[in-house]
Amino acid sequence: MDWAEGSKRMARRQLKVVKLLEPDLCIECRFAQMASVELQDGTVQRMVHCRRLDCDNWDTTTAETAKGVRAEEEGA
């Protein structure tokens, strides 16, 4: 899936980049997967993408808007 397709899929969602309080907790979480995230300035970073919308492991005080996300395939 390319950025355009990923952006269309996520068009109805407001993507945010947040800090994780305990990143190690996300490693085994069933809601988390690695993804390439495009930031507002156009840079792309590898991050954890969380499908859970109410996680207690987030620090949202410095949340930034993300432009797009592309989930990485398992085993890639």
C-alpha atoms as a PDB file:
ATOM      1  CA  MET A   1       0.000   0.000   0.000  1.00  0.00           C
ATOM      2  CA  ASP A   2       1.423   3.435  -0.883  1.00  0.00           C
ATOM      3  CA  TRP A   3       1.057   6.711   1.047  1.00  0.00           C
ATOM      4  CA  ALA A   4      -1.942   7.852  -1.005  1.00  0.00           C
ATOM      5  CA  GLU A   5      -3.860   4.651  -0.291  1.00  0.00           C
ATOM      6  CA  GLY A   6      -2.887   4.744   3.382  1.00  0.00           C
ATOM      7  CA  SER A   7      -3.944   8.373   3.650  1.00  0.00           C
ATOM      8  CA  LYS A   8      -7.335   7.616   2.085  1.00  0.00           C
ATOM      9  CA  ARG A   9      -7.846   4.712   4.498  1.00  0.00           C
ATOM     10  CA  MET A  10      -7.001   6.918   7.447  1.00  0.00           C
ATOM     11  CA  ALA A  11      -8.877   9.989   6.144  1.00  0.00           C
ATOM     12  CA  ARG A  12     -11.671   9.541   8.662  1.00  0.00           C
ATOM     13  CA  ARG A  13      -9.233   9.179  11.553  1.00  0.00           C
ATOM     14  CA  GLN A  14      -7.189  11.903  13.140  1.00  0.00           C
ATOM     15  CA  LEU A  15      -3.680  10.497  13.505  1.00  0.00           C
ATOM     16  CA  LYS A  16      -1.572  11.720  16.420  1.00  0.00           C
ATOM     17  CA  VAL A  17       2.019  11.058  17.397  1.00  0.00           C
ATOM     18  CA  VAL A  18       2.261  10.628  21.176  1.00  0.00           C
ATOM     19  CA  LYS A  19       5.032   9.606  23.532  1.00  0.00           C
ATOM     20  CA  LEU A  20       4.836   6.209  25.180  1.00  0.00           C
ATOM     21  CA  LEU A  21       5.220   6.045  28.957  1.00  0.00           C
ATOM     22  CA  GLU A  22       6.510   2.435  28.895  1.00  0.00           C
ATOM     23  CA  PRO A  23       7.451   1.478  25.293  1.00  0.00           C
ATOM     24  CA  ASP A  24       8.265  -2.119  26.283  1.00  0.00           C
ATOM     25  CA  LEU A  25       4.589  -2.720  27.076  1.00  0.00           C
ATOM     26  CA  CYS A  26       3.727  -2.224  23.393  1.00  0.00           C
ATOM     27  CA  ILE A  27       6.012  -4.996  22.164  1.00  0.00           C
ATOM     28  CA  GLU A  28       3.582  -7.781  23.087  1.00  0.00           C
ATOM     29  CA  CYS A  29       0.358  -5.783  22.829  1.00  0.00           C
ATOM     30  CA  ARG A  30      -2.179  -7.184  20.361  1.00  0.00           C
ATOM     31  CA  PHE A  31      -3.217  -3.658  19.344  1.00  0.00           C
ATOM     32  CA  ALA A  32       0.293  -2.515  18.379  1.00  0.00           C
ATOM     33  CA  GLN A  33       2.297  -2.984  15.186  1.00  0.00           C
ATOM     34  CA  MET A  34       5.310  -1.287  13.667  1.00  0.00           C
ATOM     35  CA  ALA A  35       4.580   1.313  11.003  1.00  0.00           C
ATOM     36  CA  SER A  36       6.208   4.021   8.939  1.00  0.00           C
ATOM     37  CA  VAL A  37       4.661   7.331   9.956  1.00  0.00           C
ATOM     38  CA  GLU A  38       4.793  10.470   7.816  1.00  0.00           C
ATOM     39  CA  LEU A  39       4.983  13.611   9.947  1.00  0.00           C
ATOM     40  CA  GLN A  40       3.647  17.048   9.012  1.00  0.00           C
ATOM     41  CA  ASP A  41       7.105  18.196   7.864  1.00  0.00           C
ATOM     42  CA  GLY A  42       7.258  15.311   5.373  1.00  0.00           C
ATOM     43  CA  THR A  43       9.783  13.193   7.262  1.00  0.00           C
ATOM     44  CA  VAL A  44       9.056   9.503   7.766  1.00  0.00           C
ATOM     45  CA  GLN A  45       9.875   7.671  11.000  1.00  0.00           C
ATOM     46  CA  ARG A  46       9.408   4.096  12.144  1.00  0.00           C
ATOM     47  CA  MET A  47       7.034   4.011  15.120  1.00  0.00           C
ATOM     48  CA  VAL A  48       4.526   1.854  16.946  1.00  0.00           C
ATOM     49  CA  HIS A  49       1.035   2.183  15.475  1.00  0.00           C
ATOM     50  CA  CYS A  50      -1.651   1.495  18.063  1.00  0.00           C
ATOM     51  CA  ARG A  51      -5.180   0.516  17.063  1.00  0.00           C
ATOM     52  CA  ARG A  52      -6.455   0.997  20.598  1.00  0.00           C
ATOM     53  CA  LEU A  53      -7.994   4.429  21.064  1.00  0.00           C
ATOM     54  CA  ASP A  54      -7.809   4.716  24.849  1.00  0.00           C
ATOM     55  CA  CYS A  55      -4.444   3.339  25.950  1.00  0.00           C
ATOM     56  CA  ASP A  56      -3.158   4.291  29.415  1.00  0.00           C
ATOM     57  CA  ASN A  57       0.431   4.068  28.125  1.00  0.00           C
ATOM     58  CA  TRP A  58       0.217   7.338  26.167  1.00  0.00           C
ATOM     59  CA  ASP A  59       1.563  10.751  27.167  1.00  0.00           C
ATOM     60  CA  THR A  60      -0.636  13.046  25.093  1.00  0.00           C
ATOM     61  CA  THR A  61       0.694  16.342  26.487  1.00  0.00           C
ATOM     62  CA  THR A  62       3.006  16.779  23.495  1.00  0.00           C
ATOM     63  CA  ALA A  63       0.813  15.141  20.820  1.00  0.00           C
ATOM     64  CA  GLU A  64       1.509  16.117  17.211  1.00  0.00           C
ATOM     65  CA  THR A  65      -0.620  15.503  14.145  1.00  0.00           C
ATOM     66  CA  ALA A  66       0.659  12.867  11.726  1.00  0.00           C
ATOM     67  CA  LYS A  67       0.127  13.114   7.984  1.00  0.00           C
ATOM     68  CA  GLY A  68      -0.076   9.382   7.203  1.00  0.00           C
ATOM     69  CA  VAL A  69       0.797   5.900   8.346  1.00  0.00           C
ATOM     70  CA  ARG A  70       1.778   2.714   6.533  1.00  0.00           C
ATOM     71  CA  ALA A  71       1.703  -0.466   8.615  1.00  0.00           C
ATOM     72  CA  GLU A  72       4.615  -2.833   8.167  1.00  0.00           C
ATOM     73  CA  GLU A  73       3.882  -6.399   7.177  1.00  0.00           C
ATOM     74  CA  GLU A  74       4.506  -9.067   9.816  1.00  0.00           C
ATOM     75  CA  GLY A  75       7.822 -10.803   9.277  1.00  0.00           C
ATOM     76  CA  ALA A  76       9.169  -7.931   7.176  1.00  0.00           C
END
